[in-house]
N, C-alpha and C. Protein backbone atom coordinates (compact mmCIF):
# COMPACT_ATOMS: atom_id res chain seq x y z
N MET A 1 5.44 20.57 11.44
CA MET A 1 5.60 19.18 11.08
C MET A 1 6.90 18.71 11.70
N PHE A 2 6.86 17.44 12.19
CA PHE A 2 8.04 16.82 12.83
C PHE A 2 8.26 15.50 12.13
N VAL A 3 9.52 15.19 11.79
CA VAL A 3 9.86 13.96 11.09
C VAL A 3 10.87 13.18 11.93
N VAL A 4 10.61 11.88 12.13
CA VAL A 4 11.53 10.98 12.81
C VAL A 4 12.21 10.17 11.70
N LEU A 5 13.57 10.22 11.70
CA LEU A 5 14.34 9.57 10.65
C LEU A 5 15.15 8.44 11.24
N TRP A 6 14.96 7.22 10.65
CA TRP A 6 15.68 6.03 11.06
C TRP A 6 16.44 5.42 9.87
N GLN A 7 17.59 4.79 10.20
CA GLN A 7 18.34 4.09 9.17
C GLN A 7 18.38 2.60 9.61
N PHE A 8 18.19 1.69 8.61
CA PHE A 8 18.17 0.26 8.90
C PHE A 8 19.11 -0.46 7.97
N GLN A 9 19.80 -1.47 8.52
CA GLN A 9 20.52 -2.45 7.69
C GLN A 9 19.73 -3.75 7.85
N VAL A 10 19.19 -4.22 6.76
CA VAL A 10 18.31 -5.38 6.75
C VAL A 10 19.07 -6.67 6.50
N LYS A 11 18.70 -7.76 7.17
CA LYS A 11 19.33 -9.02 6.96
C LYS A 11 19.12 -9.49 5.53
N SER A 12 20.16 -10.03 4.93
CA SER A 12 20.15 -10.44 3.56
C SER A 12 18.97 -11.41 3.32
N GLY A 13 18.27 -11.18 2.23
CA GLY A 13 17.14 -12.00 1.82
C GLY A 13 15.83 -11.64 2.47
N LEU A 14 15.85 -10.65 3.42
CA LEU A 14 14.59 -10.27 4.10
C LEU A 14 14.14 -8.88 3.72
N GLU A 15 14.63 -8.38 2.59
CA GLU A 15 14.29 -7.01 2.18
C GLU A 15 12.77 -6.85 1.90
N LYS A 16 12.18 -7.83 1.24
CA LYS A 16 10.75 -7.71 0.96
C LYS A 16 9.91 -7.73 2.24
N GLU A 17 10.30 -8.59 3.17
CA GLU A 17 9.60 -8.62 4.46
C GLU A 17 9.74 -7.29 5.18
N PHE A 18 10.93 -6.75 5.13
CA PHE A 18 11.18 -5.45 5.79
C PHE A 18 10.27 -4.38 5.14
N GLU A 19 10.22 -4.37 3.85
CA GLU A 19 9.39 -3.36 3.13
C GLU A 19 7.92 -3.49 3.53
N LYS A 20 7.46 -4.70 3.69
CA LYS A 20 6.05 -4.91 4.14
C LYS A 20 5.81 -4.34 5.54
N VAL A 21 6.72 -4.63 6.44
CA VAL A 21 6.55 -4.20 7.82
C VAL A 21 6.76 -2.69 8.04
N TYR A 22 7.75 -2.15 7.38
CA TYR A 22 8.17 -0.76 7.59
C TYR A 22 7.59 0.24 6.57
N GLY A 23 6.95 -0.23 5.55
CA GLY A 23 6.37 0.65 4.52
C GLY A 23 5.16 1.41 4.99
N PRO A 24 4.61 2.27 4.14
CA PRO A 24 3.49 3.11 4.54
C PRO A 24 2.19 2.40 4.89
N ASP A 25 2.08 1.12 4.57
CA ASP A 25 0.92 0.31 4.92
C ASP A 25 1.28 -0.81 5.85
N GLY A 26 2.47 -0.78 6.44
CA GLY A 26 2.97 -1.88 7.26
C GLY A 26 2.56 -1.79 8.72
N ALA A 27 3.15 -2.67 9.51
CA ALA A 27 2.78 -2.80 10.92
C ALA A 27 3.10 -1.52 11.70
N TRP A 28 4.27 -0.87 11.38
CA TRP A 28 4.57 0.34 12.12
C TRP A 28 3.56 1.44 11.80
N ALA A 29 3.25 1.63 10.58
CA ALA A 29 2.27 2.65 10.21
C ALA A 29 0.91 2.36 10.84
N SER A 30 0.53 1.11 10.90
CA SER A 30 -0.73 0.74 11.52
C SER A 30 -0.75 1.12 12.99
N LEU A 31 0.38 0.85 13.69
CA LEU A 31 0.51 1.26 15.10
C LEU A 31 0.38 2.77 15.23
N PHE A 32 1.12 3.52 14.40
CA PHE A 32 1.16 4.96 14.44
C PHE A 32 -0.22 5.57 14.17
N ARG A 33 -1.01 4.92 13.36
CA ARG A 33 -2.34 5.45 13.01
C ARG A 33 -3.28 5.54 14.23
N ALA A 34 -2.88 4.96 15.35
CA ALA A 34 -3.66 5.15 16.60
C ALA A 34 -3.65 6.60 17.02
N SER A 35 -2.73 7.39 16.49
CA SER A 35 -2.64 8.80 16.85
C SER A 35 -3.17 9.66 15.75
N PRO A 36 -4.08 10.60 16.07
CA PRO A 36 -4.56 11.54 15.01
C PRO A 36 -3.47 12.51 14.56
N ALA A 37 -2.36 12.56 15.27
CA ALA A 37 -1.25 13.45 14.90
C ALA A 37 -0.24 12.81 13.96
N TYR A 38 -0.44 11.54 13.62
CA TYR A 38 0.43 10.86 12.68
C TYR A 38 0.05 11.23 11.27
N ARG A 39 1.05 11.57 10.41
CA ARG A 39 0.75 12.02 9.05
C ARG A 39 1.29 11.14 7.96
N GLY A 40 1.95 10.05 8.31
CA GLY A 40 2.40 9.13 7.27
C GLY A 40 3.84 8.72 7.42
N THR A 41 4.21 7.72 6.62
CA THR A 41 5.57 7.16 6.60
C THR A 41 6.06 7.06 5.18
N ARG A 42 7.31 7.41 4.98
CA ARG A 42 8.00 7.18 3.67
C ARG A 42 9.11 6.19 3.90
N LEU A 43 9.28 5.28 2.99
CA LEU A 43 10.37 4.26 3.03
C LEU A 43 11.23 4.51 1.85
N LEU A 44 12.53 4.63 2.14
CA LEU A 44 13.53 4.88 1.08
C LEU A 44 14.57 3.75 1.11
N ARG A 45 14.97 3.30 -0.07
CA ARG A 45 15.98 2.21 -0.21
C ARG A 45 17.17 2.78 -0.92
N ASP A 46 18.33 2.47 -0.38
CA ASP A 46 19.60 2.91 -1.00
C ASP A 46 19.85 2.13 -2.29
N THR A 47 20.09 2.86 -3.39
CA THR A 47 20.26 2.18 -4.70
C THR A 47 21.62 1.48 -4.80
N SER A 48 22.60 1.86 -4.04
CA SER A 48 23.89 1.21 -4.15
C SER A 48 24.09 0.16 -3.03
N ILE A 49 23.30 0.20 -1.99
CA ILE A 49 23.36 -0.83 -0.94
C ILE A 49 21.92 -1.27 -0.71
N PRO A 50 21.44 -2.26 -1.45
CA PRO A 50 20.01 -2.66 -1.45
C PRO A 50 19.48 -3.09 -0.10
N SER A 51 20.33 -3.42 0.86
CA SER A 51 19.85 -3.83 2.18
C SER A 51 19.84 -2.67 3.16
N SER A 52 20.08 -1.47 2.71
CA SER A 52 20.07 -0.23 3.51
C SER A 52 18.85 0.60 3.23
N TYR A 53 18.11 0.97 4.28
CA TYR A 53 16.85 1.73 4.12
C TYR A 53 16.83 2.88 5.10
N LEU A 54 16.01 3.86 4.76
CA LEU A 54 15.66 4.94 5.65
C LEU A 54 14.13 4.97 5.77
N THR A 55 13.65 5.29 6.97
CA THR A 55 12.23 5.55 7.14
C THR A 55 12.09 6.98 7.63
N MET A 56 10.99 7.59 7.19
CA MET A 56 10.64 8.95 7.63
C MET A 56 9.20 8.89 8.11
N ASP A 57 9.02 9.11 9.42
CA ASP A 57 7.67 9.12 10.01
C ASP A 57 7.29 10.56 10.28
N PHE A 58 6.14 10.98 9.77
CA PHE A 58 5.71 12.37 9.85
C PHE A 58 4.62 12.52 10.92
N TRP A 59 4.82 13.54 11.78
CA TRP A 59 3.92 13.83 12.90
C TRP A 59 3.60 15.34 12.89
N ASP A 60 2.49 15.67 13.55
CA ASP A 60 2.17 17.10 13.64
C ASP A 60 3.20 17.89 14.39
N SER A 61 3.79 17.27 15.45
CA SER A 61 4.78 17.98 16.25
C SER A 61 5.60 16.98 17.06
N GLN A 62 6.69 17.45 17.57
CA GLN A 62 7.54 16.62 18.43
C GLN A 62 6.77 16.20 19.68
N ALA A 63 5.98 17.12 20.23
CA ALA A 63 5.19 16.81 21.43
C ALA A 63 4.17 15.72 21.15
N ALA A 64 3.54 15.72 19.99
CA ALA A 64 2.59 14.69 19.62
C ALA A 64 3.24 13.35 19.49
N TYR A 65 4.44 13.32 18.89
CA TYR A 65 5.18 12.08 18.77
C TYR A 65 5.60 11.55 20.15
N GLY A 66 6.07 12.46 20.99
CA GLY A 66 6.42 12.05 22.36
C GLY A 66 5.26 11.48 23.14
N ALA A 67 4.11 12.14 23.00
CA ALA A 67 2.91 11.66 23.69
C ALA A 67 2.52 10.26 23.19
N PHE A 68 2.59 10.10 21.87
CA PHE A 68 2.29 8.79 21.30
C PHE A 68 3.23 7.73 21.88
N ARG A 69 4.53 7.96 21.87
CA ARG A 69 5.50 7.01 22.39
C ARG A 69 5.20 6.67 23.86
N LYS A 70 4.86 7.67 24.65
CA LYS A 70 4.59 7.45 26.06
C LYS A 70 3.32 6.64 26.22
N ASP A 71 2.26 6.98 25.50
CA ASP A 71 0.99 6.29 25.64
C ASP A 71 0.96 4.89 25.06
N ASN A 72 1.90 4.61 24.13
CA ASN A 72 1.93 3.34 23.47
C ASN A 72 3.25 2.58 23.67
N ALA A 73 3.94 2.85 24.76
CA ALA A 73 5.25 2.30 25.00
C ALA A 73 5.30 0.78 24.91
N SER A 74 4.34 0.07 25.50
CA SER A 74 4.43 -1.36 25.51
C SER A 74 4.17 -1.95 24.08
N ARG A 75 3.20 -1.38 23.37
CA ARG A 75 2.94 -1.87 22.02
C ARG A 75 4.11 -1.55 21.10
N TYR A 76 4.72 -0.39 21.25
CA TYR A 76 5.88 -0.01 20.45
C TYR A 76 7.04 -0.98 20.72
N SER A 77 7.34 -1.24 22.00
CA SER A 77 8.42 -2.18 22.35
C SER A 77 8.18 -3.57 21.86
N GLU A 78 6.94 -3.99 21.93
CA GLU A 78 6.62 -5.34 21.47
C GLU A 78 6.87 -5.48 19.97
N LEU A 79 6.43 -4.52 19.19
CA LEU A 79 6.63 -4.55 17.73
C LEU A 79 8.12 -4.43 17.43
N ASP A 80 8.81 -3.59 18.14
CA ASP A 80 10.26 -3.42 17.93
C ASP A 80 11.00 -4.76 18.16
N ARG A 81 10.64 -5.47 19.21
CA ARG A 81 11.23 -6.78 19.49
C ARG A 81 10.96 -7.76 18.35
N ARG A 82 9.74 -7.77 17.86
CA ARG A 82 9.38 -8.69 16.77
C ARG A 82 10.21 -8.39 15.52
N CYS A 83 10.48 -7.15 15.29
CA CYS A 83 11.17 -6.70 14.07
C CYS A 83 12.67 -6.94 14.10
N GLU A 84 13.21 -7.23 15.27
CA GLU A 84 14.63 -7.47 15.39
C GLU A 84 15.12 -8.64 14.52
N ALA A 85 14.20 -9.54 14.22
CA ALA A 85 14.55 -10.72 13.43
C ALA A 85 14.86 -10.38 11.98
N ILE A 86 14.47 -9.24 11.53
CA ILE A 86 14.68 -8.91 10.09
C ILE A 86 15.72 -7.86 9.86
N THR A 87 16.23 -7.26 10.94
CA THR A 87 17.23 -6.22 10.79
C THR A 87 18.54 -6.60 11.49
N GLU A 88 19.61 -6.12 10.90
CA GLU A 88 20.93 -6.30 11.50
C GLU A 88 21.28 -5.14 12.40
N ARG A 89 20.81 -3.97 11.98
CA ARG A 89 21.14 -2.76 12.73
C ARG A 89 20.09 -1.68 12.42
N GLU A 90 19.79 -0.88 13.43
CA GLU A 90 18.92 0.26 13.25
C GLU A 90 19.50 1.42 14.07
N SER A 91 19.38 2.62 13.49
CA SER A 91 19.90 3.81 14.10
C SER A 91 18.90 4.95 13.94
N ARG A 92 18.56 5.58 15.02
CA ARG A 92 17.74 6.78 14.96
C ARG A 92 18.65 7.92 14.53
N LEU A 93 18.39 8.48 13.38
CA LEU A 93 19.23 9.55 12.86
C LEU A 93 18.82 10.92 13.40
N GLY A 94 17.59 11.03 13.80
CA GLY A 94 17.17 12.30 14.40
C GLY A 94 15.68 12.54 14.31
N GLY A 95 15.30 13.56 15.07
CA GLY A 95 13.94 14.11 14.98
C GLY A 95 14.09 15.51 14.38
N LEU A 96 13.46 15.71 13.24
CA LEU A 96 13.67 16.96 12.49
C LEU A 96 12.41 17.75 12.38
N GLU A 97 12.53 18.99 12.64
CA GLU A 97 11.37 19.90 12.50
C GLU A 97 11.38 20.48 11.10
N VAL A 98 10.22 20.44 10.45
CA VAL A 98 10.10 21.06 9.14
C VAL A 98 9.68 22.52 9.35
N PRO A 99 10.51 23.45 9.02
CA PRO A 99 10.14 24.86 9.27
C PRO A 99 8.93 25.26 8.40
N ALA A 100 8.13 26.13 8.99
CA ALA A 100 6.98 26.65 8.26
C ALA A 100 7.48 27.53 7.14
N PRO A 101 6.81 27.48 6.00
CA PRO A 101 7.23 28.32 4.89
C PRO A 101 7.03 29.81 5.23
N PRO A 102 7.84 30.67 4.66
CA PRO A 102 7.66 32.09 4.93
C PRO A 102 6.31 32.58 4.42
N PRO A 103 5.75 33.63 5.03
CA PRO A 103 4.46 34.12 4.52
C PRO A 103 4.60 34.67 3.13
N ALA A 104 3.55 34.50 2.36
CA ALA A 104 3.54 35.02 0.97
C ALA A 104 3.55 36.54 1.04
N SER A 105 4.28 37.16 0.12
CA SER A 105 4.32 38.61 0.06
C SER A 105 2.99 39.14 -0.50
N ALA A 106 2.65 40.31 -0.04
CA ALA A 106 1.35 40.90 -0.44
C ALA A 106 1.45 41.58 -1.75
């Protein structure tokens, strides 16, 4: 499993709009669903800074995510441009691999 982690600072008053677009049923998740390797999105909101969010996008592998980005570059860029209106800042925090659990002992 591979997870792409992003942090966002949302423009004041646009938090609900952001949640609709970036949540698990939003425009980004709809785009990602074009890939059978996409496994879902989690949206997290900072409790002490209500305009600060994290997204976690789950993929089968880093290679699958890379292939999706390459194959959908124009659609990805177009949606990213449209979303600039609701965010002040976005930062890719990393691509994280979820290690496989150790085998169960016999």
